[in-house]
Every structure is written in C-alpha cells, then in structure tokens.
C-alpha atoms as a PDB file:
ATOM      1  CA  UNK A   1     -44.000 -19.627 -31.292  1.00  0.00           C
ATOM      2  CA  UNK A   2     -46.097 -16.596 -32.219  1.00  0.00           C
ATOM      3  CA  UNK A   3     -44.752 -13.103 -31.558  1.00  0.00           C
ATOM      4  CA  UNK A   4     -47.384 -12.421 -28.913  1.00  0.00           C
ATOM      5  CA  UNK A   5     -46.624 -15.685 -27.176  1.00  0.00           C
ATOM      6  CA  UNK A   6     -42.862 -15.012 -27.297  1.00  0.00           C
ATOM      7  CA  UNK A   7     -43.377 -11.559 -25.811  1.00  0.00           C
ATOM      8  CA  UNK A   8     -45.467 -12.987 -22.978  1.00  0.00           C
ATOM      9  CA  UNK A   9     -42.791 -15.623 -22.341  1.00  0.00           C
ATOM     10  CA  UNK A  10     -39.991 -13.044 -22.088  1.00  0.00           C
ATOM     11  CA  UNK A  11     -42.129 -10.777 -19.920  1.00  0.00           C
ATOM     12  CA  UNK A  12     -42.915 -13.658 -17.576  1.00  0.00           C
ATOM     13  CA  UNK A  13     -39.188 -14.473 -17.211  1.00  0.00           C
ATOM     14  CA  UNK A  14     -38.310 -10.838 -16.491  1.00  0.00           C
ATOM     15  CA  UNK A  15     -41.033 -10.480 -13.885  1.00  0.00           C
ATOM     16  CA  UNK A  16     -39.949 -13.704 -12.208  1.00  0.00           C
ATOM     17  CA  UNK A  17     -36.474 -12.271 -11.460  1.00  0.00           C
ATOM     18  CA  UNK A  18     -36.450 -10.472  -8.095  1.00  0.00           C
ATOM     19  CA  UNK A  19     -36.069  -6.743  -8.620  1.00  0.00           C
ATOM     20  CA  UNK A  20     -33.287  -6.443  -6.076  1.00  0.00           C
ATOM     21  CA  UNK A  21     -31.095  -8.608  -8.335  1.00  0.00           C
ATOM     22  CA  UNK A  22     -31.338  -6.261 -11.293  1.00  0.00           C
ATOM     23  CA  UNK A  23     -31.871  -2.905  -9.579  1.00  0.00           C
ATOM     24  CA  UNK A  24     -28.161  -2.293  -8.740  1.00  0.00           C
ATOM     25  CA  UNK A  25     -27.222  -2.594 -12.406  1.00  0.00           C
ATOM     26  CA  UNK A  26     -29.888  -0.056 -13.345  1.00  0.00           C
ATOM     27  CA  UNK A  27     -28.769   2.548 -10.834  1.00  0.00           C
ATOM     28  CA  UNK A  28     -26.291   5.223 -11.836  1.00  0.00           C
ATOM     29  CA  UNK A  29     -23.078   4.966  -9.814  1.00  0.00           C
ATOM     30  CA  UNK A  30     -22.295   6.846  -7.674  1.00  0.00           C
ATOM     31  CA  UNK A  31     -25.504   8.254  -6.280  1.00  0.00           C
ATOM     32  CA  UNK A  32     -24.135   9.015  -2.815  1.00  0.00           C
ATOM     33  CA  UNK A  33     -20.907   9.427  -0.835  1.00  0.00           C
ATOM     34  CA  UNK A  34     -18.018   7.083  -1.638  1.00  0.00           C
ATOM     35  CA  UNK A  35     -15.576   6.211   1.151  1.00  0.00           C
ATOM     36  CA  UNK A  36     -11.938   5.306   0.558  1.00  0.00           C
ATOM     37  CA  UNK A  37     -10.648   3.444   3.610  1.00  0.00           C
ATOM     38  CA  UNK A  38      -6.922   3.907   4.244  1.00  0.00           C
ATOM     39  CA  UNK A  39      -5.686   1.477   6.947  1.00  0.00           C
ATOM     40  CA  UNK A  40      -3.039   3.943   8.127  1.00  0.00           C
ATOM     41  CA  UNK A  41      -3.142   7.205  10.067  1.00  0.00           C
ATOM     42  CA  UNK A  42      -2.894  10.555   8.237  1.00  0.00           C
ATOM     43  CA  UNK A  43       0.564  11.596   7.090  1.00  0.00           C
ATOM     44  CA  UNK A  44       1.843   8.567   5.187  1.00  0.00           C
ATOM     45  CA  UNK A  45       2.089   8.181   1.424  1.00  0.00           C
ATOM     46  CA  UNK A  46      -0.990   5.933   1.189  1.00  0.00           C
ATOM     47  CA  UNK A  47      -2.987   8.693   2.844  1.00  0.00           C
ATOM     48  CA  UNK A  48      -1.499  11.241   0.429  1.00  0.00           C
ATOM     49  CA  UNK A  49      -2.633   9.178  -2.561  1.00  0.00           C
ATOM     50  CA  UNK A  50      -6.090   8.679  -1.085  1.00  0.00           C
ATOM     51  CA  UNK A  51      -6.710  12.349  -0.368  1.00  0.00           C
ATOM     52  CA  UNK A  52      -5.361  13.613  -3.681  1.00  0.00           C
ATOM     53  CA  UNK A  53      -7.533  11.176  -5.627  1.00  0.00           C
ATOM     54  CA  UNK A  54     -10.602  11.611  -3.399  1.00  0.00           C
ATOM     55  CA  UNK A  55     -10.704  15.341  -3.992  1.00  0.00           C
ATOM     56  CA  UNK A  56     -10.554  14.939  -7.762  1.00  0.00           C
ATOM     57  CA  UNK A  57     -13.008  12.026  -7.817  1.00  0.00           C
ATOM     58  CA  UNK A  58     -15.516  14.184  -5.940  1.00  0.00           C
ATOM     59  CA  UNK A  59     -15.332  16.686  -8.783  1.00  0.00           C
ATOM     60  CA  UNK A  60     -15.520  14.017 -11.486  1.00  0.00           C
ATOM     61  CA  UNK A  61     -18.488  12.164 -10.020  1.00  0.00           C
ATOM     62  CA  UNK A  62     -20.355  15.081  -8.485  1.00  0.00           C
ATOM     63  CA  UNK A  63     -20.614  13.153  -5.207  1.00  0.00           C
ATOM     64  CA  UNK A  64     -18.579  13.374  -1.982  1.00  0.00           C
ATOM     65  CA  UNK A  65     -15.554  11.072  -1.880  1.00  0.00           C
ATOM     66  CA  UNK A  66     -13.941  10.951   1.564  1.00  0.00           C
ATOM     67  CA  UNK A  67     -10.909   9.254   3.088  1.00  0.00           C
ATOM     68  CA  UNK A  68     -11.523   7.307   6.283  1.00  0.00           C
ATOM     69  CA  UNK A  69      -8.282   6.514   8.138  1.00  0.00           C
ATOM     70  CA  UNK A  70      -8.562   3.220  10.039  1.00  0.00           C
ATOM     71  CA  UNK A  71      -5.066   2.449  11.361  1.00  0.00           C
ATOM     72  CA  UNK A  72      -4.077  -0.460  13.531  1.00  0.00           C
ATOM     73  CA  UNK A  73      -3.192  -4.126  13.433  1.00  0.00           C
ATOM     74  CA  UNK A  74      -0.746  -3.702  10.573  1.00  0.00           C
ATOM     75  CA  UNK A  75      -3.612  -2.673   8.226  1.00  0.00           C
ATOM     76  CA  UNK A  76      -5.897  -5.423   9.569  1.00  0.00           C
ATOM     77  CA  UNK A  77      -8.507  -3.090  11.107  1.00  0.00           C
ATOM     78  CA  UNK A  78      -9.166  -1.113   7.944  1.00  0.00           C
ATOM     79  CA  UNK A  79      -8.978  -4.169   5.706  1.00  0.00           C
ATOM     80  CA  UNK A  80     -11.473  -6.028   7.876  1.00  0.00           C
ATOM     81  CA  UNK A  81     -13.871  -3.082   7.694  1.00  0.00           C
ATOM     82  CA  UNK A  82     -13.919  -3.099   3.892  1.00  0.00           C
ATOM     83  CA  UNK A  83     -14.109  -6.892   3.700  1.00  0.00           C
ATOM     84  CA  UNK A  84     -17.444  -6.707   5.539  1.00  0.00           C
ATOM     85  CA  UNK A  85     -18.837  -3.756   3.591  1.00  0.00           C
ATOM     86  CA  UNK A  86     -21.592  -4.042   0.995  1.00  0.00           C
ATOM     87  CA  UNK A  87     -20.370  -4.973  -2.468  1.00  0.00           C
ATOM     88  CA  UNK A  88     -21.833  -1.829  -4.009  1.00  0.00           C
ATOM     89  CA  UNK A  89     -18.725   0.238  -4.715  1.00  0.00           C
ATOM     90  CA  UNK A  90     -19.357   2.791  -1.982  1.00  0.00           C
ATOM     91  CA  UNK A  91     -16.581   1.474   0.298  1.00  0.00           C
ATOM     92  CA  UNK A  92     -13.148   1.065  -1.301  1.00  0.00           C
ATOM     93  CA  UNK A  93      -9.845  -0.017   0.257  1.00  0.00           C
ATOM     94  CA  UNK A  94      -6.579   1.747  -0.605  1.00  0.00           C
ATOM     95  CA  UNK A  95      -3.750  -0.211   0.953  1.00  0.00           C
ATOM     96  CA  UNK A  96      -0.188  -1.402   0.446  1.00  0.00           C
ATOM     97  CA  UNK A  97       2.227  -4.239   1.219  1.00  0.00           C
ATOM     98  CA  UNK A  98       0.538  -5.342   4.448  1.00  0.00           C
ATOM     99  CA  UNK A  99      -2.212  -6.848   2.307  1.00  0.00           C
ATOM    100  CA  UNK A 100       0.383  -9.253   0.868  1.00  0.00           C
ATOM    101  CA  UNK A 101       2.267 -10.049   4.051  1.00  0.00           C
ATOM    102  CA  UNK A 102      -0.543 -10.391   6.595  1.00  0.00           C
ATOM    103  CA  UNK A 103      -2.035 -13.630   5.206  1.00  0.00           C
ATOM    104  CA  UNK A 104       1.467 -15.087   4.972  1.00  0.00           C
ATOM    105  CA  UNK A 105       2.862 -13.988   8.333  1.00  0.00           C
ATOM    106  CA  UNK A 106      -0.144 -13.926  10.647  1.00  0.00           C
ATOM    107  CA  UNK A 107      -1.491 -17.195  12.025  1.00  0.00           C
ATOM    108  CA  UNK A 108      -5.052 -15.939  11.798  1.00  0.00           C
ATOM    109  CA  UNK A 109      -6.922 -12.961  10.396  1.00  0.00           C
ATOM    110  CA  UNK A 110     -10.372 -11.574  11.303  1.00  0.00           C
ATOM    111  CA  UNK A 111     -11.259 -11.417   7.624  1.00  0.00           C
ATOM    112  CA  UNK A 112     -11.129 -13.677   4.587  1.00  0.00           C
ATOM    113  CA  UNK A 113      -8.759 -12.279   1.927  1.00  0.00           C
ATOM    114  CA  UNK A 114     -11.129 -13.723  -0.669  1.00  0.00           C
ATOM    115  CA  UNK A 115     -13.771 -11.246   0.539  1.00  0.00           C
ATOM    116  CA  UNK A 116     -11.816  -8.546  -1.307  1.00  0.00           C
ATOM    117  CA  UNK A 117     -11.004  -8.293  -5.000  1.00  0.00           C
ATOM    118  CA  UNK A 118      -8.112  -6.344  -6.581  1.00  0.00           C
ATOM    119  CA  UNK A 119      -9.320  -3.330  -8.525  1.00  0.00           C
ATOM    120  CA  UNK A 120      -6.422  -1.101  -9.561  1.00  0.00           C
ATOM    121  CA  UNK A 121      -2.692  -1.107  -8.787  1.00  0.00           C
ATOM    122  CA  UNK A 122      -1.569   2.487  -8.586  1.00  0.00           C
ATOM    123  CA  UNK A 123       2.175   1.877  -8.416  1.00  0.00           C
ATOM    124  CA  UNK A 124       5.269   0.743  -6.538  1.00  0.00           C
ATOM    125  CA  UNK A 125       8.032   2.343  -4.519  1.00  0.00           C
ATOM    126  CA  UNK A 126      11.525   1.330  -3.408  1.00  0.00           C
ATOM    127  CA  UNK A 127      12.418   1.314   0.284  1.00  0.00           C
ATOM    128  CA  UNK A 128      15.094   3.784   1.361  1.00  0.00           C
ATOM    129  CA  UNK A 129      16.914   3.766   4.689  1.00  0.00           C
ATOM    130  CA  UNK A 130      16.794   7.177   6.354  1.00  0.00           C
ATOM    131  CA  UNK A 131      18.223   7.957   9.789  1.00  0.00           C
ATOM    132  CA  UNK A 132      18.232  10.842  12.228  1.00  0.00           C
ATOM    133  CA  UNK A 133      21.040  13.218  11.140  1.00  0.00           C
ATOM    134  CA  UNK A 134      22.105  13.870  14.740  1.00  0.00           C
ATOM    135  CA  UNK A 135      23.358  10.306  15.212  1.00  0.00           C
ATOM    136  CA  UNK A 136      27.061   9.570  15.488  1.00  0.00           C
ATOM    137  CA  UNK A 137      26.710   7.044  12.648  1.00  0.00           C
ATOM    138  CA  UNK A 138      26.637   8.697   9.221  1.00  0.00           C
ATOM    139  CA  UNK A 139      27.222   5.983   6.627  1.00  0.00           C
ATOM    140  CA  UNK A 140      26.104   2.449   5.872  1.00  0.00           C
ATOM    141  CA  UNK A 141      29.486   1.162   7.050  1.00  0.00           C
ATOM    142  CA  UNK A 142      28.988   2.981  10.362  1.00  0.00           C
ATOM    143  CA  UNK A 143      25.540   1.424  10.787  1.00  0.00           C
ATOM    144  CA  UNK A 144      26.758  -2.092  10.026  1.00  0.00           C
ATOM    145  CA  UNK A 145      29.718  -1.686  12.379  1.00  0.00           C
ATOM    146  CA  UNK A 146      27.414  -0.538  15.198  1.00  0.00           C
ATOM    147  CA  UNK A 147      25.021  -3.413  14.549  1.00  0.00           C
ATOM    148  CA  UNK A 148      27.831  -5.939  14.767  1.00  0.00           C
ATOM    149  CA  UNK A 149      29.552  -4.447  17.816  1.00  0.00           C
ATOM    150  CA  UNK A 150      26.346  -3.833  19.747  1.00  0.00           C
ATOM    151  CA  UNK A 151      23.611  -6.303  18.712  1.00  0.00           C
ATOM    152  CA  UNK A 152      20.152  -4.774  18.993  1.00  0.00           C
ATOM    153  CA  UNK A 153      21.428  -1.200  19.180  1.00  0.00           C
ATOM    154  CA  UNK A 154      19.969  -0.475  15.740  1.00  0.00           C
ATOM    155  CA  UNK A 155      16.384   0.634  16.378  1.00  0.00           C
ATOM    156  CA  UNK A 156      14.342   0.735  13.181  1.00  0.00           C
ATOM    157  CA  UNK A 157      10.727   1.789  13.130  1.00  0.00           C
ATOM    158  CA  UNK A 158       8.107   0.705  10.622  1.00  0.00           C
ATOM    159  CA  UNK A 159       4.487   1.338   9.682  1.00  0.00           C
ATOM    160  CA  UNK A 160       3.554  -1.938  11.404  1.00  0.00           C
ATOM    161  CA  UNK A 161       4.421  -5.596  11.747  1.00  0.00           C
ATOM    162  CA  UNK A 162       4.741  -7.313   8.364  1.00  0.00           C
ATOM    163  CA  UNK A 163       4.725  -3.952   6.569  1.00  0.00           C
ATOM    164  CA  UNK A 164       7.113  -3.247   3.718  1.00  0.00           C
ATOM    165  CA  UNK A 165       9.439  -1.119   5.936  1.00  0.00           C
ATOM    166  CA  UNK A 166       9.530  -3.929   8.511  1.00  0.00           C
ATOM    167  CA  UNK A 167      10.436  -6.603   5.977  1.00  0.00           C
ATOM    168  CA  UNK A 168      13.000  -4.299   4.360  1.00  0.00           C
ATOM    169  CA  UNK A 169      14.644  -3.820   7.767  1.00  0.00           C
ATOM    170  CA  UNK A 170      14.696  -7.572   8.390  1.00  0.00           C
ATOM    171  CA  UNK A 171      16.191  -8.191   4.959  1.00  0.00           C
ATOM    172  CA  UNK A 172      18.841  -5.547   5.584  1.00  0.00           C
ATOM    173  CA  UNK A 173      19.746  -7.096   8.945  1.00  0.00           C
ATOM    174  CA  UNK A 174      20.053 -10.512   7.316  1.00  0.00           C
ATOM    175  CA  UNK A 175      22.156  -9.315   4.376  1.00  0.00           C
ATOM    176  CA  UNK A 176      24.398  -7.151   6.584  1.00  0.00           C
ATOM    177  CA  UNK A 177      24.812  -9.847   9.241  1.00  0.00           C
ATOM    178  CA  UNK A 178      23.577  -7.655  12.087  1.00  0.00           C
ATOM    179  CA  UNK A 179      20.804  -7.743  14.662  1.00  0.00           C
ATOM    180  CA  UNK A 180      18.342  -4.897  14.873  1.00  0.00           C
ATOM    181  CA  UNK A 181      15.435  -3.944  17.114  1.00  0.00           C
ATOM    182  CA  UNK A 182      12.161  -3.498  15.269  1.00  0.00           C
ATOM    183  CA  UNK A 183       9.642  -0.971  16.632  1.00  0.00           C
ATOM    184  CA  UNK A 184       6.247  -1.144  14.900  1.00  0.00           C
ATOM    185  CA  UNK A 185       3.926   1.868  14.650  1.00  0.00           C
ATOM    186  CA  UNK A 186       0.384   2.301  13.353  1.00  0.00           C
ATOM    187  CA  UNK A 187       1.650   3.971  10.201  1.00  0.00           C
ATOM    188  CA  UNK A 188       4.606   5.752   8.648  1.00  0.00           C
ATOM    189  CA  UNK A 189       3.471   9.137  10.008  1.00  0.00           C
ATOM    190  CA  UNK A 190       3.889   8.256  13.707  1.00  0.00           C
ATOM    191  CA  UNK A 191       7.133   6.406  12.987  1.00  0.00           C
ATOM    192  CA  UNK A 192       8.514   9.426  11.158  1.00  0.00           C
ATOM    193  CA  UNK A 193       7.581  11.716  14.035  1.00  0.00           C
ATOM    194  CA  UNK A 194       9.594   9.575  16.458  1.00  0.00           C
ATOM    195  CA  UNK A 195      12.482   9.382  14.006  1.00  0.00           C
ATOM    196  CA  UNK A 196      12.614  13.168  13.726  1.00  0.00           C
ATOM    197  CA  UNK A 197      12.392  13.384  17.507  1.00  0.00           C
ATOM    198  CA  UNK A 198      15.279  10.968  18.010  1.00  0.00           C
ATOM    199  CA  UNK A 199      13.282   8.165  19.668  1.00  0.00           C
ATOM    200  CA  UNK A 200      14.383   5.696  16.965  1.00  0.00           C
ATOM    201  CA  UNK A 201      17.449   5.607  14.717  1.00  0.00           C
ATOM    202  CA  UNK A 202      15.919   5.015  11.330  1.00  0.00           C
ATOM    203  CA  UNK A 203      13.157   3.723   9.096  1.00  0.00           C
ATOM    204  CA  UNK A 204      12.904   2.229   5.631  1.00  0.00           C
ATOM    205  CA  UNK A 205      10.706   4.832   3.961  1.00  0.00           C
ATOM    206  CA  UNK A 206      10.266   5.628   0.272  1.00  0.00           C
ATOM    207  CA  UNK A 207      11.614   8.437  -1.931  1.00  0.00           C
ATOM    208  CA  UNK A 208       8.779  10.516  -0.439  1.00  0.00           C
ATOM    209  CA  UNK A 209      11.241  11.263   2.384  1.00  0.00           C
ATOM    210  CA  UNK A 210      13.564  13.166   0.043  1.00  0.00           C
ATOM    211  CA  UNK A 211      12.184  16.654   0.860  1.00  0.00           C
ATOM    212  CA  UNK A 212      13.156  16.068   4.501  1.00  0.00           C
ATOM    213  CA  UNK A 213      16.542  14.716   3.403  1.00  0.00           C
ATOM    214  CA  UNK A 214      17.236  17.781   1.289  1.00  0.00           C
ATOM    215  CA  UNK A 215      16.104  20.024   4.141  1.00  0.00           C
ATOM    216  CA  UNK A 216      18.637  18.370   6.458  1.00  0.00           C
ATOM    217  CA  UNK A 217      16.009  16.759   8.694  1.00  0.00           C
ATOM    218  CA  UNK A 218      17.025  13.225   7.685  1.00  0.00           C
ATOM    219  CA  UNK A 219      20.127  11.475   6.397  1.00  0.00           C
ATOM    220  CA  UNK A 220      19.471   9.135   3.442  1.00  0.00           C
ATOM    221  CA  UNK A 221      21.813   6.147   3.642  1.00  0.00           C
ATOM    222  CA  UNK A 222      20.864   3.939   0.683  1.00  0.00           C
ATOM    223  CA  UNK A 223      17.893   2.887  -1.435  1.00  0.00           C
ATOM    224  CA  UNK A 224      16.794  -0.714  -2.073  1.00  0.00           C
ATOM    225  CA  UNK A 225      16.331  -0.409  -5.825  1.00  0.00           C
ATOM    226  CA  UNK A 226      18.184  -2.036  -8.705  1.00  0.00           C
ATOM    227  CA  UNK A 227      19.286   1.372 -10.023  1.00  0.00           C
ATOM    228  CA  UNK A 228      19.335   4.835  -8.533  1.00  0.00           C
ATOM    229  CA  UNK A 229      15.814   6.175  -8.215  1.00  0.00           C
ATOM    230  CA  UNK A 230      14.831   9.133 -10.434  1.00  0.00           C
ATOM    231  CA  UNK A 231      13.373  10.925  -7.413  1.00  0.00           C
ATOM    232  CA  UNK A 232      16.515  10.359  -5.312  1.00  0.00           C
ATOM    233  CA  UNK A 233      19.448  10.324  -7.706  1.00  0.00           C
ATOM    234  CA  UNK A 234      21.878  11.472  -5.032  1.00  0.00           C
ATOM    235  CA  UNK A 235      21.185   8.410  -2.871  1.00  0.00           C
ATOM    236  CA  UNK A 236      23.289   5.309  -3.638  1.00  0.00           C
ATOM    237  CA  UNK A 237      21.719   1.878  -3.932  1.00  0.00           C
ATOM    238  CA  UNK A 238      22.505  -0.781  -1.342  1.00  0.00           C
ATOM    239  CA  UNK A 239      24.142  -2.798  -4.099  1.00  0.00           C
ATOM    240  CA  UNK A 240      26.529   0.059  -4.821  1.00  0.00           C
ATOM    241  CA  UNK A 241      27.562  -0.084  -1.170  1.00  0.00           C
ATOM    242  CA  UNK A 242      28.043  -3.850  -1.099  1.00  0.00           C
ATOM    243  CA  UNK A 243      24.704  -5.132   0.246  1.00  0.00           C
ATOM    244  CA  UNK A 244      22.415  -7.046  -2.092  1.00  0.00           C
ATOM    245  CA  UNK A 245      19.064  -5.532  -1.132  1.00  0.00           C
ATOM    246  CA  UNK A 246      16.287  -4.751  -3.630  1.00  0.00           C
ATOM    247  CA  UNK A 247      12.838  -4.393  -2.104  1.00  0.00           C
ATOM    248  CA  UNK A 248       9.850  -2.073  -2.076  1.00  0.00           C
ATOM    249  CA  UNK A 249       6.153  -1.594  -1.494  1.00  0.00           C
ATOM    250  CA  UNK A 250       3.076  -1.312  -3.686  1.00  0.00           C
ATOM    251  CA  UNK A 251      -0.120   0.762  -3.430  1.00  0.00           C
ATOM    252  CA  UNK A 252      -3.490  -0.235  -4.780  1.00  0.00           C
ATOM    253  CA  UNK A 253      -7.266  -0.342  -4.516  1.00  0.00           C
ATOM    254  CA  UNK A 254      -9.613  -3.194  -3.572  1.00  0.00           C
ATOM    255  CA  UNK A 255     -13.391  -3.581  -3.491  1.00  0.00           C
ATOM    256  CA  UNK A 256     -15.574  -6.134  -1.704  1.00  0.00           C
ATOM    257  CA  UNK A 257     -15.863  -9.283  -3.782  1.00  0.00           C
ATOM    258  CA  UNK A 258     -19.106  -9.317  -5.734  1.00  0.00           C
ATOM    259  CA  UNK A 259     -19.029  -5.655  -6.702  1.00  0.00           C
ATOM    260  CA  UNK A 260     -20.673  -5.343 -10.120  1.00  0.00           C
ATOM    261  CA  UNK A 261     -18.320  -5.152 -13.070  1.00  0.00           C
ATOM    262  CA  UNK A 262     -19.827  -1.931 -14.396  1.00  0.00           C
ATOM    263  CA  UNK A 263     -19.321  -0.296 -11.003  1.00  0.00           C
ATOM    264  CA  UNK A 264     -15.699  -1.443 -10.964  1.00  0.00           C
ATOM    265  CA  UNK A 265     -15.218  -0.050 -14.449  1.00  0.00           C
ATOM    266  CA  UNK A 266     -16.658   3.301 -13.377  1.00  0.00           C
ATOM    267  CA  UNK A 267     -14.301   3.484 -10.396  1.00  0.00           C
ATOM    268  CA  UNK A 268     -11.268   2.599 -12.520  1.00  0.00           C
ATOM    269  CA  UNK A 269     -12.231   5.132 -15.178  1.00  0.00           C
ATOM    270  CA  UNK A 270     -12.595   7.778 -12.466  1.00  0.00           C
ATOM    271  CA  UNK A 271      -9.186   6.972 -10.978  1.00  0.00           C
ATOM    272  CA  UNK A 272      -7.483   7.081 -14.362  1.00  0.00           C
ATOM    273  CA  UNK A 273      -9.128  10.394 -15.188  1.00  0.00           C
ATOM    274  CA  UNK A 274      -8.096  11.788 -11.797  1.00  0.00           C
ATOM    275  CA  UNK A 275      -4.500  10.707 -12.474  1.00  0.00           C
ATOM    276  CA  UNK A 276      -4.437  13.126 -15.406  1.00  0.00           C
ATOM    277  CA  UNK A 277      -5.100  16.129 -13.177  1.00  0.00           C
ATOM    278  CA  UNK A 278      -2.002  18.359 -12.627  1.00  0.00           C
ATOM    279  CA  UNK A 279      -2.736  18.735  -8.898  1.00  0.00           C
ATOM    280  CA  UNK A 280      -2.986  14.977  -8.407  1.00  0.00           C
ATOM    281  CA  UNK A 281       0.124  14.404 -10.521  1.00  0.00           C
ATOM    282  CA  UNK A 282       2.098  16.914  -8.443  1.00  0.00           C
ATOM    283  CA  UNK A 283       1.028  15.295  -5.153  1.00  0.00           C
ATOM    284  CA  UNK A 284       2.010  11.818  -6.344  1.00  0.00           C
ATOM    285  CA  UNK A 285       5.291  12.844  -7.954  1.00  0.00           C
ATOM    286  CA  UNK A 286       6.517  14.200  -4.621  1.00  0.00           C
ATOM    287  CA  UNK A 287       6.396  10.653  -3.225  1.00  0.00           C
ATOM    288  CA  UNK A 288       8.564   9.119  -5.936  1.00  0.00           C
ATOM    289  CA  UNK A 289       5.938   6.550  -6.903  1.00  0.00           C
ATOM    290  CA  UNK A 290       6.600   4.420  -9.981  1.00  0.00           C
ATOM    291  CA  UNK A 291       3.256   4.041 -11.754  1.00  0.00           C
ATOM    292  CA  UNK A 292       1.956   0.554 -12.486  1.00  0.00           C
ATOM    293  CA  UNK A 293      -1.658   1.235 -13.576  1.00  0.00           C
ATOM    294  CA  UNK A 294      -2.647  -2.440 -13.555  1.00  0.00           C
ATOM    295  CA  UNK A 295      -6.314  -3.430 -13.634  1.00  0.00           C
ATOM    296  CA  UNK A 296      -8.052  -6.386 -12.010  1.00  0.00           C
ATOM    297  CA  UNK A 297      -6.575  -9.461 -13.680  1.00  0.00           C
ATOM    298  CA  UNK A 298      -3.035  -8.115 -14.122  1.00  0.00           C
ATOM    299  CA  UNK A 299      -3.144  -6.698 -10.607  1.00  0.00           C
ATOM    300  CA  UNK A 300      -4.019 -10.166  -9.266  1.00  0.00           C
ATOM    301  CA  UNK A 301      -1.059 -11.671 -11.130  1.00  0.00           C
ATOM    302  CA  UNK A 302       1.190  -9.046  -9.550  1.00  0.00           C
ATOM    303  CA  UNK A 303      -0.159  -9.864  -6.074  1.00  0.00           C
ATOM    304  CA  UNK A 304       0.340 -13.587  -6.643  1.00  0.00           C
ATOM    305  CA  UNK A 305       3.953 -12.891  -7.576  1.00  0.00           C
ATOM    306  CA  UNK A 306       4.545 -10.772  -4.473  1.00  0.00           C
ATOM    307  CA  UNK A 307       3.093 -13.461  -2.224  1.00  0.00           C
ATOM    308  CA  UNK A 308       5.156 -16.190  -3.848  1.00  0.00           C
ATOM    309  CA  UNK A 309       8.288 -14.072  -3.452  1.00  0.00           C
ATOM    310  CA  UNK A 310       7.619 -13.541   0.264  1.00  0.00           C
ATOM    311  CA  UNK A 311       6.954 -17.233   0.863  1.00  0.00           C
ATOM    312  CA  UNK A 312      10.224 -18.138  -0.874  1.00  0.00           C
ATOM    313  CA  UNK A 313      12.036 -15.543   1.200  1.00  0.00           C
ATOM    314  CA  UNK A 314      10.784 -16.969   4.488  1.00  0.00           C
ATOM    315  CA  UNK A 315      11.509 -20.534   3.435  1.00  0.00           C
ATOM    316  CA  UNK A 316      14.874 -20.277   1.745  1.00  0.00           C
ATOM    317  CA  UNK A 317      16.666 -17.089   2.732  1.00  0.00           C
ATOM    318  CA  UNK A 318      16.427 -17.293   6.520  1.00  0.00           C
ATOM    319  CA  UNK A 319      15.280 -13.748   7.159  1.00  0.00           C
ATOM    320  CA  UNK A 320      14.228 -12.884  10.702  1.00  0.00           C
ATOM    321  CA  UNK A 321      10.554 -12.683   9.766  1.00  0.00           C
ATOM    322  CA  UNK A 322       8.342 -14.767  12.022  1.00  0.00           C
ATOM    323  CA  UNK A 323       4.724 -15.812  12.109  1.00  0.00           C
ATOM    324  CA  UNK A 324       2.636 -13.849  14.568  1.00  0.00           C
END
C-alpha cells in the first residue's frame, strides 16, 4: 500500500470513530469541581478523611473538591448516588465497611455493586469499645456480668445496621455469651453524641476516640486488635482480657465502573500526593488509621477477603447478625 493510500486509510478509520468516544481521553482531568460523596453525616472519621484530602486535592488540581455528606440506609443512600453517577471521575465515593456488609446482609439493594469499582484503599482501623464514664460498670468484667444478669441491658450504638461497629458489637456479644441491644444511627457522629449524653452505654469506635478518652469524656474498655494499638497503647486488647475478638473497619475510595484508566490514575496520584502533606497527615494520625495504600487490583483482593470472612462468620460462628 502506498504511503498516501495508507494515510487516507488511517484518516478514514479515525473519522469513523464517534468523537464522543475519544473526547474524554483528550480532555485534561479535572476541568471542573470534583465531589467526594461520604455516606455518613459530618463528624465521623470517614468525613475527617474526606475533608482533609478534599482541601489538599483542591490545591493540587486547581479545581474545587468538595465533600457531599449523604447519610442514611447504612451507607446505601450515598453509595447508590455514586453508582448512578457518570463514569467521568467527577463523583467519587469514600466509604467504609458497610460497602462489604450490605451486599451480604441485605436482601436487596437499590444499586448494583458492580456499578462501582475499587480505586484506592486508604487504610484500616481496629474497633475499640468505649462507654460513658458515668456508668456504674467500669471494666469488661462488669459489662459482661451486667449482660448476663440483665439480658438486653447493654445498649450499644453504631454508625448503622451492618456497619463495622454493629458487627463488632454482635461479635462481642457472641464471644462474651451475653445479649445486647443494638441501636443504629446514621453515622458515628450522632451515635457519639448520644453516648456522651448518656442515651446509650457504649459504641465500638476506633482509636480516633482516644482524645475523648484522655479528656475523661469516655472510658475505653478494650480494643479488638491482635496487639495493643500504637495510638491507644494504654487500652488492653480483648484477648488480654479473655475474649477472643479481633475486628475492624476499612476506608477507601470507589469510582463508577467505566471510569477511564488515565482518570483513575490521576485521582490516585492526587490522593497519594495529598497524603504527603503535613496537615493531612496530622488529621489522619489523630484517628489512629493504619495505612494500607492499596490500588485497584490489590484493593479488590482485599475486599474479596473481607466479604469471604463475613460470609464464613455468618455461616459457621453463629453471630447474631441477620439478613435485613
């Protein structure tokens, strides 16, 4: 084929491809506001991560990056919103354990989990039982004794049904041989407010609660980690106190499935650059997060492992976790 003929052939092929199929890859991302949807109300650790990163990403990209809190339904409302968003990188989900548990524990969901793709796993955190310091019970032994003598008297809040704090509470009740009353909220923030106000006895929060513990606002009973947590060294593990409980949450980003790979790479690069900023580091360190920094494929493997672990738990360990 002559050069002129080859050129005409290539040009014909290029012109035959609809422009809208190639235009997104030619555009510079981001060219407008980026929204990070957090399916919890303001005040929880997921919201803290979102706001710290959004502020730095705005500076890095030269475009507004905002956090949109969409609480409710145990993260379902916010997750559904992002699952139906355009796959252009301008709507991102930052969520946690509810993303794992909802498809397993809920009979139906208003979104297809396959409509979202894992982008970046920020990190993990161990659950820690904290209670109101004004209670007559002060130790894990006291709590177990109350739970056994008065079934249902233990009122534990959570950030929602099927959330990490909820499952941690159910696991604790199973391992301790007690019954507890679960009170779901639309996020950790509202649950913590009621805990501080004395409306509930306790909640399984993360090491992020340690500033309140050290200020005397909360009493930390035990942490569900294999070893003492670096951010809460004064808090014993459940295993130290005779209860075999190791459990925690995770925090990570998702994008609508179909988002271009170069856009995903730009978002990940922005997040990793933001995580080097001293202000962002300080905000995250206060929560006691253990960094994971897993990208798409490794993040998916992690999620598959978490789901498999939950399914085994429901099937073989007899925890009081029911389908909704």
